[in-house]
PDB file of N, CA and C in Angstrom:
ATOM      1  N   MET A   1     -17.949   6.228 -15.112  1.00  0.00           N
ATOM      2  CA  MET A   1     -19.314   5.529 -14.808  1.00  0.00           C
ATOM      3  C   MET A   1     -19.112   4.455 -15.630  1.00  0.00           C
ATOM      4  N   LEU A   2     -18.448   4.686 -17.065  1.00  0.00           N
ATOM      5  CA  LEU A   2     -18.192   4.254 -18.050  1.00  0.00           C
ATOM      6  C   LEU A   2     -17.224   2.927 -17.723  1.00  0.00           C
ATOM      7  N   ALA A   3     -16.112   2.984 -17.058  1.00  0.00           N
ATOM      8  CA  ALA A   3     -15.326   1.888 -16.574  1.00  0.00           C
ATOM      9  C   ALA A   3     -16.092   0.879 -15.711  1.00  0.00           C
ATOM     10  N   LYS A   4     -17.085   1.558 -14.944  1.00  0.00           N
ATOM     11  CA  LYS A   4     -17.797   0.517 -13.953  1.00  0.00           C
ATOM     12  C   LYS A   4     -18.809  -0.192 -14.436  1.00  0.00           C
ATOM     13  N   ARG A   5     -19.330   0.490 -15.331  1.00  0.00           N
ATOM     14  CA  ARG A   5     -20.839  -0.201 -16.518  1.00  0.00           C
ATOM     15  C   ARG A   5     -19.986  -1.268 -17.555  1.00  0.00           C
ATOM     16  N   HIS A   6     -18.640  -0.904 -17.794  1.00  0.00           N
ATOM     17  CA  HIS A   6     -17.825  -1.960 -18.659  1.00  0.00           C
ATOM     18  C   HIS A   6     -17.059  -2.989 -17.732  1.00  0.00           C
ATOM     19  N   GLY A   7     -17.016  -2.986 -16.504  1.00  0.00           N
ATOM     20  CA  GLY A   7     -16.037  -4.132 -15.567  1.00  0.00           C
ATOM     21  C   GLY A   7     -14.857  -3.498 -15.693  1.00  0.00           C
ATOM     22  N   ILE A   8     -14.469  -2.387 -16.296  1.00  0.00           N
ATOM     23  CA  ILE A   8     -13.266  -2.018 -16.501  1.00  0.00           C
ATOM     24  C   ILE A   8     -12.485  -1.116 -14.707  1.00  0.00           C
ATOM     25  N   PRO A   9     -11.465  -1.805 -14.370  1.00  0.00           N
ATOM     26  CA  PRO A   9     -10.694  -1.121 -12.992  1.00  0.00           C
ATOM     27  C   PRO A   9     -10.403   0.318 -13.099  1.00  0.00           C
ATOM     28  N   PHE A  10     -11.155   0.967 -12.542  1.00  0.00           N
ATOM     29  CA  PHE A  10     -10.814   2.694 -12.089  1.00  0.00           C
ATOM     30  C   PHE A  10      -9.708   2.901 -11.376  1.00  0.00           C
ATOM     31  N   TYR A  11      -8.538   3.188 -11.446  1.00  0.00           N
ATOM     32  CA  TYR A  11      -7.714   3.630 -10.322  1.00  0.00           C
ATOM     33  C   TYR A  11      -7.170   5.413  -9.914  1.00  0.00           C
ATOM     34  N   VAL A  12      -7.382   5.835  -9.117  1.00  0.00           N
ATOM     35  CA  VAL A  12      -6.829   7.153  -8.804  1.00  0.00           C
ATOM     36  C   VAL A  12      -5.343   7.177  -8.333  1.00  0.00           C
ATOM     37  N   ALA A  13      -4.472   8.167  -8.749  1.00  0.00           N
ATOM     38  CA  ALA A  13      -3.133   8.199  -8.648  1.00  0.00           C
ATOM     39  C   ALA A  13      -3.070   9.461  -7.876  1.00  0.00           C
ATOM     40  N   GLY A  14      -2.028   9.465  -6.897  1.00  0.00           N
ATOM     41  CA  GLY A  14      -1.889  10.793  -6.529  1.00  0.00           C
ATOM     42  C   GLY A  14      -0.965  10.722  -5.143  1.00  0.00           C
ATOM     43  N   PRO A  15      -0.295  11.748  -4.657  1.00  0.00           N
ATOM     44  CA  PRO A  15       0.250  11.741  -3.173  1.00  0.00           C
ATOM     45  C   PRO A  15      -0.505  11.905  -2.280  1.00  0.00           C
ATOM     46  N   THR A  16      -0.165  11.312  -1.245  1.00  0.00           N
ATOM     47  CA  THR A  16      -1.225  11.217   0.573  1.00  0.00           C
ATOM     48  C   THR A  16      -1.529  12.794   0.558  1.00  0.00           C
ATOM     49  N   THR A  17      -0.508  13.709   0.322  1.00  0.00           N
ATOM     50  CA  THR A  17      -0.590  14.962   0.717  1.00  0.00           C
ATOM     51  C   THR A  17      -1.968  15.729   0.071  1.00  0.00           C
ATOM     52  N   SER A  18      -2.330  15.049  -0.906  1.00  0.00           N
ATOM     53  CA  SER A  18      -3.741  15.753  -1.758  1.00  0.00           C
ATOM     54  C   SER A  18      -5.058  14.968  -0.953  1.00  0.00           C
ATOM     55  N   ILE A  19      -4.661  14.197  -0.041  1.00  0.00           N
ATOM     56  CA  ILE A  19      -5.939  13.591   0.775  1.00  0.00           C
ATOM     57  C   ILE A  19      -5.955  14.460   2.275  1.00  0.00           C
ATOM     58  N   ASP A  20      -7.233  15.038   2.187  1.00  0.00           N
ATOM     59  CA  ASP A  20      -7.729  15.581   3.457  1.00  0.00           C
ATOM     60  C   ASP A  20      -8.476  14.822   4.202  1.00  0.00           C
ATOM     61  N   THR A  21      -8.280  14.347   5.164  1.00  0.00           N
ATOM     62  CA  THR A  21      -8.746  13.446   6.249  1.00  0.00           C
ATOM     63  C   THR A  21     -10.024  13.893   7.319  1.00  0.00           C
ATOM     64  N   ALA A  22      -9.773  15.926   7.306  1.00  0.00           N
ATOM     65  CA  ALA A  22     -11.114  16.504   7.807  1.00  0.00           C
ATOM     66  C   ALA A  22     -11.976  16.826   6.910  1.00  0.00           C
ATOM     67  N   CYS A  23     -12.024  16.437   5.454  1.00  0.00           N
ATOM     68  CA  CYS A  23     -12.891  16.965   4.691  1.00  0.00           C
ATOM     69  C   CYS A  23     -14.377  15.749   4.552  1.00  0.00           C
ATOM     70  N   PRO A  24     -15.200  16.007   5.051  1.00  0.00           N
ATOM     71  CA  PRO A  24     -16.322  15.017   5.204  1.00  0.00           C
ATOM     72  C   PRO A  24     -16.884  14.282   4.045  1.00  0.00           C
ATOM     73  N   SER A  25     -16.772  15.063   2.945  1.00  0.00           N
ATOM     74  CA  SER A  25     -17.231  14.238   1.777  1.00  0.00           C
ATOM     75  C   SER A  25     -17.096  14.764   0.140  1.00  0.00           C
ATOM     76  N   GLY A  26     -17.027  14.170  -0.552  1.00  0.00           N
ATOM     77  CA  GLY A  26     -16.510  14.939  -1.863  1.00  0.00           C
ATOM     78  C   GLY A  26     -17.518  16.111  -2.099  1.00  0.00           C
ATOM     79  N   LYS A  27     -18.194  16.281  -1.484  1.00  0.00           N
ATOM     80  CA  LYS A  27     -19.207  17.142  -1.740  1.00  0.00           C
ATOM     81  C   LYS A  27     -18.932  18.922  -0.922  1.00  0.00           C
ATOM     82  N   ASP A  28     -17.743  18.426  -0.126  1.00  0.00           N
ATOM     83  CA  ASP A  28     -16.937  19.509   0.310  1.00  0.00           C
ATOM     84  C   ASP A  28     -15.855  20.154  -0.081  1.00  0.00           C
ATOM     85  N   ILE A  29     -15.545  19.530  -1.150  1.00  0.00           N
ATOM     86  CA  ILE A  29     -14.044  19.795  -1.929  1.00  0.00           C
ATOM     87  C   ILE A  29     -14.366  21.281  -2.511  1.00  0.00           C
ATOM     88  N   PRO A  30     -13.776  22.401  -2.090  1.00  0.00           N
ATOM     89  CA  PRO A  30     -13.765  23.353  -3.225  1.00  0.00           C
ATOM     90  C   PRO A  30     -13.001  23.077  -4.623  1.00  0.00           C
ATOM     91  N   ILE A  31     -14.012  23.256  -5.732  1.00  0.00           N
ATOM     92  CA  ILE A  31     -13.220  23.268  -7.047  1.00  0.00           C
ATOM     93  C   ILE A  31     -12.754  24.124  -7.693  1.00  0.00           C
ATOM     94  N   GLU A  32     -11.513  24.691  -7.537  1.00  0.00           N
ATOM     95  CA  GLU A  32     -10.921  25.862  -8.437  1.00  0.00           C
ATOM     96  C   GLU A  32     -11.497  26.087  -9.805  1.00  0.00           C
ATOM     97  N   GLN A  33     -11.919  27.091  -9.999  1.00  0.00           N
ATOM     98  CA  GLN A  33     -12.311  27.303 -11.499  1.00  0.00           C
ATOM     99  C   GLN A  33     -10.992  27.894 -12.134  1.00  0.00           C
ATOM    100  N   ARG A  34     -10.828  27.548 -13.260  1.00  0.00           N
ATOM    101  CA  ARG A  34      -9.946  27.982 -14.200  1.00  0.00           C
ATOM    102  C   ARG A  34      -9.862  29.096 -15.151  1.00  0.00           C
ATOM    103  N   ASP A  35      -9.250  29.882 -15.501  1.00  0.00           N
ATOM    104  CA  ASP A  35      -9.390  30.992 -16.316  1.00  0.00           C
ATOM    105  C   ASP A  35     -10.210  30.517 -17.612  1.00  0.00           C
ATOM    106  N   ALA A  36     -11.350  31.134 -18.138  1.00  0.00           N
ATOM    107  CA  ALA A  36     -12.304  30.804 -19.055  1.00  0.00           C
ATOM    108  C   ALA A  36     -11.822  30.863 -20.456  1.00  0.00           C
ATOM    109  N   LYS A  37     -10.450  31.807 -20.709  1.00  0.00           N
ATOM    110  CA  LYS A  37      -9.945  31.855 -22.285  1.00  0.00           C
ATOM    111  C   LYS A  37      -9.031  30.646 -22.340  1.00  0.00           C
ATOM    112  N   GLU A  38      -8.919  29.524 -21.599  1.00  0.00           N
ATOM    113  CA  GLU A  38      -8.239  28.341 -21.360  1.00  0.00           C
ATOM    114  C   GLU A  38      -9.300  27.254 -22.350  1.00  0.00           C
ATOM    115  N   VAL A  39     -10.561  27.569 -22.232  1.00  0.00           N
ATOM    116  CA  VAL A  39     -11.546  26.944 -23.351  1.00  0.00           C
ATOM    117  C   VAL A  39     -11.773  27.861 -24.316  1.00  0.00           C
ATOM    118  N   SER A  40     -12.106  28.833 -24.015  1.00  0.00           N
ATOM    119  CA  SER A  40     -12.537  29.804 -25.119  1.00  0.00           C
ATOM    120  C   SER A  40     -11.855  30.742 -26.156  1.00  0.00           C
ATOM    121  N   HIS A  41     -10.135  30.380 -25.918  1.00  0.00           N
ATOM    122  CA  HIS A  41      -9.561  30.777 -26.618  1.00  0.00           C
ATOM    123  C   HIS A  41      -8.011  29.707 -27.157  1.00  0.00           C
ATOM    124  N   ILE A  42      -7.451  29.829 -28.277  1.00  0.00           N
ATOM    125  CA  ILE A  42      -6.666  29.050 -28.649  1.00  0.00           C
ATOM    126  C   ILE A  42      -5.503  30.261 -29.407  1.00  0.00           C
ATOM    127  N   PHE A  43      -4.392  30.217 -28.809  1.00  0.00           N
ATOM    128  CA  PHE A  43      -3.108  31.067 -29.481  1.00  0.00           C
ATOM    129  C   PHE A  43      -3.712  32.415 -28.855  1.00  0.00           C
ATOM    130  N   GLY A  44      -4.172  32.919 -28.364  1.00  0.00           N
ATOM    131  CA  GLY A  44      -5.025  34.248 -28.206  1.00  0.00           C
ATOM    132  C   GLY A  44      -6.219  34.755 -29.243  1.00  0.00           C
ATOM    133  N   LYS A  45      -6.666  33.518 -30.136  1.00  0.00           N
ATOM    134  CA  LYS A  45      -7.643  33.852 -30.728  1.00  0.00           C
ATOM    135  C   LYS A  45      -9.121  33.153 -30.108  1.00  0.00           C
ATOM    136  N   ARG A  46      -9.988  34.265 -29.894  1.00  0.00           N
ATOM    137  CA  ARG A  46     -11.439  33.641 -29.495  1.00  0.00           C
ATOM    138  C   ARG A  46     -12.025  32.842 -30.313  1.00  0.00           C
ATOM    139  N   LEU A  47     -12.313  31.399 -29.909  1.00  0.00           N
ATOM    140  CA  LEU A  47     -13.043  30.558 -30.550  1.00  0.00           C
ATOM    141  C   LEU A  47     -14.666  30.423 -30.498  1.00  0.00           C
ATOM    142  N   ALA A  48     -15.096  30.891 -29.111  1.00  0.00           N
ATOM    143  CA  ALA A  48     -16.587  30.957 -28.528  1.00  0.00           C
ATOM    144  C   ALA A  48     -16.887  32.111 -28.684  1.00  0.00           C
ATOM    145  N   PRO A  49     -18.268  32.170 -28.724  1.00  0.00           N
ATOM    146  CA  PRO A  49     -18.695  33.381 -29.024  1.00  0.00           C
ATOM    147  C   PRO A  49     -18.631  34.477 -28.260  1.00  0.00           C
ATOM    148  N   ALA A  50     -18.569  35.785 -28.117  1.00  0.00           N
ATOM    149  CA  ALA A  50     -18.291  36.975 -27.303  1.00  0.00           C
ATOM    150  C   ALA A  50     -19.424  36.447 -26.235  1.00  0.00           C
ATOM    151  N   GLY A  51     -19.319  36.559 -24.848  1.00  0.00           N
ATOM    152  CA  GLY A  51     -20.457  36.578 -23.758  1.00  0.00           C
ATOM    153  C   GLY A  51     -20.722  35.355 -23.199  1.00  0.00           C
ATOM    154  N   MET A  52     -20.203  34.013 -23.932  1.00  0.00           N
ATOM    155  CA  MET A  52     -20.583  32.912 -23.738  1.00  0.00           C
ATOM    156  C   MET A  52     -20.285  32.695 -22.746  1.00  0.00           C
ATOM    157  N   THR A  53     -20.663  31.643 -21.546  1.00  0.00           N
ATOM    158  CA  THR A  53     -20.538  31.588 -20.353  1.00  0.00           C
ATOM    159  C   THR A  53     -19.395  30.267 -20.237  1.00  0.00           C
ATOM    160  N   VAL A  54     -18.431  29.931 -19.597  1.00  0.00           N
ATOM    161  CA  VAL A  54     -17.607  28.924 -19.783  1.00  0.00           C
ATOM    162  C   VAL A  54     -17.048  28.476 -18.135  1.00  0.00           C
ATOM    163  N   PHE A  55     -17.516  27.214 -18.149  1.00  0.00           N
ATOM    164  CA  PHE A  55     -17.336  26.150 -16.791  1.00  0.00           C
ATOM    165  C   PHE A  55     -16.180  25.702 -17.555  1.00  0.00           C
ATOM    166  N   ASN A  56     -14.837  25.769 -16.135  1.00  0.00           N
ATOM    167  CA  ASN A  56     -13.812  25.203 -16.765  1.00  0.00           C
ATOM    168  C   ASN A  56     -13.170  24.826 -15.065  1.00  0.00           C
ATOM    169  N   PRO A  57     -13.505  23.791 -14.595  1.00  0.00           N
ATOM    170  CA  PRO A  57     -12.891  23.591 -13.591  1.00  0.00           C
ATOM    171  C   PRO A  57     -11.469  22.736 -13.467  1.00  0.00           C
ATOM    172  N   SER A  58     -10.976  23.103 -12.623  1.00  0.00           N
ATOM    173  CA  SER A  58      -9.485  22.484 -12.567  1.00  0.00           C
ATOM    174  C   SER A  58      -9.406  20.947 -12.403  1.00  0.00           C
ATOM    175  N   PHE A  59     -10.344  20.451 -11.768  1.00  0.00           N
ATOM    176  CA  PHE A  59     -10.515  18.949 -11.644  1.00  0.00           C
ATOM    177  C   PHE A  59     -12.135  18.507 -11.238  1.00  0.00           C
ATOM    178  N   ASP A  60     -12.339  17.169 -11.171  1.00  0.00           N
ATOM    179  CA  ASP A  60     -13.833  16.793 -10.678  1.00  0.00           C
ATOM    180  C   ASP A  60     -13.569  16.052  -9.245  1.00  0.00           C
ATOM    181  N   VAL A  61     -14.432  15.215  -8.785  1.00  0.00           N
ATOM    182  CA  VAL A  61     -14.656  14.458  -7.932  1.00  0.00           C
ATOM    183  C   VAL A  61     -15.378  12.961  -8.269  1.00  0.00           C
ATOM    184  N   THR A  62     -14.340  12.378  -8.097  1.00  0.00           N
ATOM    185  CA  THR A  62     -15.257  11.033  -8.638  1.00  0.00           C
ATOM    186  C   THR A  62     -15.557  10.286  -6.796  1.00  0.00           C
ATOM    187  N   SER A  63     -17.173   9.745  -7.476  1.00  0.00           N
ATOM    188  CA  SER A  63     -17.605   8.914  -6.278  1.00  0.00           C
ATOM    189  C   SER A  63     -16.790   7.946  -6.109  1.00  0.00           C
ATOM    190  N   GLN A  64     -16.712   7.679  -4.788  1.00  0.00           N
ATOM    191  CA  GLN A  64     -15.648   6.665  -4.138  1.00  0.00           C
ATOM    192  C   GLN A  64     -15.944   5.189  -4.796  1.00  0.00           C
ATOM    193  N   GLU A  65     -17.695   4.873  -5.062  1.00  0.00           N
ATOM    194  CA  GLU A  65     -18.127   3.521  -5.589  1.00  0.00           C
ATOM    195  C   GLU A  65     -17.626   3.431  -6.944  1.00  0.00           C
ATOM    196  N   LEU A  66     -17.126   4.298  -7.289  1.00  0.00           N
ATOM    197  CA  LEU A  66     -16.460   3.971  -9.031  1.00  0.00           C
ATOM    198  C   LEU A  66     -15.163   3.727  -8.871  1.00  0.00           C
ATOM    199  N   ILE A  67     -14.406   3.967  -7.952  1.00  0.00           N
ATOM    200  CA  ILE A  67     -12.920   3.992  -7.741  1.00  0.00           C
ATOM    201  C   ILE A  67     -12.513   2.272  -7.283  1.00  0.00           C
ATOM    202  N   THR A  68     -11.804   1.574  -7.809  1.00  0.00           N
ATOM    203  CA  THR A  68     -11.085   0.692  -7.946  1.00  0.00           C
ATOM    204  C   THR A  68     -10.151   0.205  -6.174  1.00  0.00           C
ATOM    205  N   ALA A  69      -9.272   1.401  -6.580  1.00  0.00           N
ATOM    206  CA  ALA A  69      -8.356   1.682  -5.509  1.00  0.00           C
ATOM    207  C   ALA A  69      -7.964   2.936  -5.968  1.00  0.00           C
ATOM    208  N   ILE A  70      -7.054   3.456  -4.861  1.00  0.00           N
ATOM    209  CA  ILE A  70      -6.663   4.665  -4.618  1.00  0.00           C
ATOM    210  C   ILE A  70      -4.485   4.491  -4.703  1.00  0.00           C
ATOM    211  N   ILE A  71      -3.451   4.675  -5.629  1.00  0.00           N
ATOM    212  CA  ILE A  71      -2.559   4.660  -5.538  1.00  0.00           C
ATOM    213  C   ILE A  71      -1.651   5.699  -5.147  1.00  0.00           C
ATOM    214  N   THR A  72      -0.742   5.579  -4.134  1.00  0.00           N
ATOM    215  CA  THR A  72      -0.264   6.423  -3.387  1.00  0.00           C
ATOM    216  C   THR A  72       1.218   6.275  -3.223  1.00  0.00           C
ATOM    217  N   GLU A  73       2.282   7.303  -2.963  1.00  0.00           N
ATOM    218  CA  GLU A  73       3.773   6.925  -2.610  1.00  0.00           C
ATOM    219  C   GLU A  73       3.707   6.014  -1.408  1.00  0.00           C
ATOM    220  N   ARG A  74       2.559   5.652  -0.824  1.00  0.00           N
ATOM    221  CA  ARG A  74       2.839   4.898   0.624  1.00  0.00           C
ATOM    222  C   ARG A  74       2.116   3.737   0.323  1.00  0.00           C
ATOM    223  N   GLY A  75       1.764   3.118  -0.871  1.00  0.00           N
ATOM    224  CA  GLY A  75       0.735   2.117  -1.379  1.00  0.00           C
ATOM    225  C   GLY A  75      -0.424   2.388  -1.518  1.00  0.00           C
ATOM    226  N   VAL A  76      -1.046   1.208  -1.868  1.00  0.00           N
ATOM    227  CA  VAL A  76      -2.571   0.951  -2.977  1.00  0.00           C
ATOM    228  C   VAL A  76      -3.378   1.171  -1.435  1.00  0.00           C
ATOM    229  N   ILE A  77      -4.452   1.764  -1.576  1.00  0.00           N
ATOM    230  CA  ILE A  77      -5.516   1.978  -0.740  1.00  0.00           C
ATOM    231  C   ILE A  77      -6.630   1.366  -1.027  1.00  0.00           C
ATOM    232  N   ASP A  78      -6.971   0.282  -0.715  1.00  0.00           N
ATOM    233  CA  ASP A  78      -8.424  -0.777  -1.253  1.00  0.00           C
ATOM    234  C   ASP A  78      -9.503  -0.262  -0.482  1.00  0.00           C
ATOM    235  N   PRO A  79     -10.444  -0.007  -0.957  1.00  0.00           N
ATOM    236  CA  PRO A  79     -11.898   0.232  -0.298  1.00  0.00           C
ATOM    237  C   PRO A  79     -12.321  -0.984   0.971  1.00  0.00           C
ATOM    238  N   PRO A  80     -12.628  -0.357   2.047  1.00  0.00           N
ATOM    239  CA  PRO A  80     -13.577   1.079   2.521  1.00  0.00           C
ATOM    240  C   PRO A  80     -12.677   1.929   2.860  1.00  0.00           C
ATOM    241  N   TYR A  81     -12.505   3.019   1.630  1.00  0.00           N
ATOM    242  CA  TYR A  81     -11.548   4.157   1.931  1.00  0.00           C
ATOM    243  C   TYR A  81     -11.290   4.686   3.393  1.00  0.00           C
ATOM    244  N   LYS A  82     -12.959   5.142   3.727  1.00  0.00           N
ATOM    245  CA  LYS A  82     -13.029   5.795   5.147  1.00  0.00           C
ATOM    246  C   LYS A  82     -12.262   5.242   6.156  1.00  0.00           C
ATOM    247  N   LYS A  83     -12.087   3.528   5.750  1.00  0.00           N
ATOM    248  CA  LYS A  83     -11.075   2.960   7.052  1.00  0.00           C
ATOM    249  C   LYS A  83      -9.674   2.860   6.562  1.00  0.00           C
ATOM    250  N   ASN A  84      -9.625   2.562   5.408  1.00  0.00           N
ATOM    251  CA  ASN A  84      -8.276   2.389   5.378  1.00  0.00           C
ATOM    252  C   ASN A  84      -7.625   3.390   4.769  1.00  0.00           C
ATOM    253  N   ILE A  85      -7.887   4.970   4.309  1.00  0.00           N
ATOM    254  CA  ILE A  85      -7.001   5.746   4.055  1.00  0.00           C
ATOM    255  C   ILE A  85      -6.475   6.329   5.576  1.00  0.00           C
ATOM    256  N   ARG A  86      -6.681   6.255   6.541  1.00  0.00           N
ATOM    257  CA  ARG A  86      -5.651   6.851   7.759  1.00  0.00           C
ATOM    258  C   ARG A  86      -4.371   6.021   8.044  1.00  0.00           C
ATOM    259  N   SER A  87      -4.232   4.572   7.366  1.00  0.00           N
ATOM    260  CA  SER A  87      -3.131   4.010   7.785  1.00  0.00           C
ATOM    261  C   SER A  87      -2.502   4.501   6.729  1.00  0.00           C
ATOM    262  N   HIS A  88      -2.885   5.118   5.990  1.00  0.00           N
ATOM    263  CA  HIS A  88      -1.504   5.797   4.514  1.00  0.00           C
ATOM    264  C   HIS A  88      -1.280   7.259   4.813  1.00  0.00           C
ATOM    265  N   VAL A  89      -2.277   7.935   5.551  1.00  0.00           N
ATOM    266  CA  VAL A  89      -2.160   9.274   5.985  1.00  0.00           C
ATOM    267  C   VAL A  89      -1.645   9.675   6.996  1.00  0.00           C
ATOM    268  N   SER A  90      -0.649  10.555   7.171  1.00  0.00           N
ATOM    269  CA  SER A  90      -0.425  10.921   8.611  1.00  0.00           C
ATOM    270  C   SER A  90      -0.595  12.541   8.836  1.00  0.00           C
ATOM    271  N   HIS A  91      -1.769  13.142   9.119  1.00  0.00           N
ATOM    272  CA  HIS A  91      -2.314  14.275   9.625  1.00  0.00           C
ATOM    273  C   HIS A  91      -2.394  14.461  10.704  1.00  0.00           C
TER     274      HIS A  91
END
């Protein structure tokens, strides 16, 4: 959001194997939750108070209107993504 607000391009880079054309929207992407100790501990020592709830997603989903382009091993995908992704991904 900050990049868009300040006119800075925002690119996503990744392999085409990570693109799921069968997924209807970003809201349908399951987000893996990582171990809470990655946030609450360092070198095995607790930093956060005991019993504290930790939210530690392995990644997030960026709204397509905030993305300038997607860079893949098969080239750059420009918006509109729904139309242009299919020419780069073979599923």
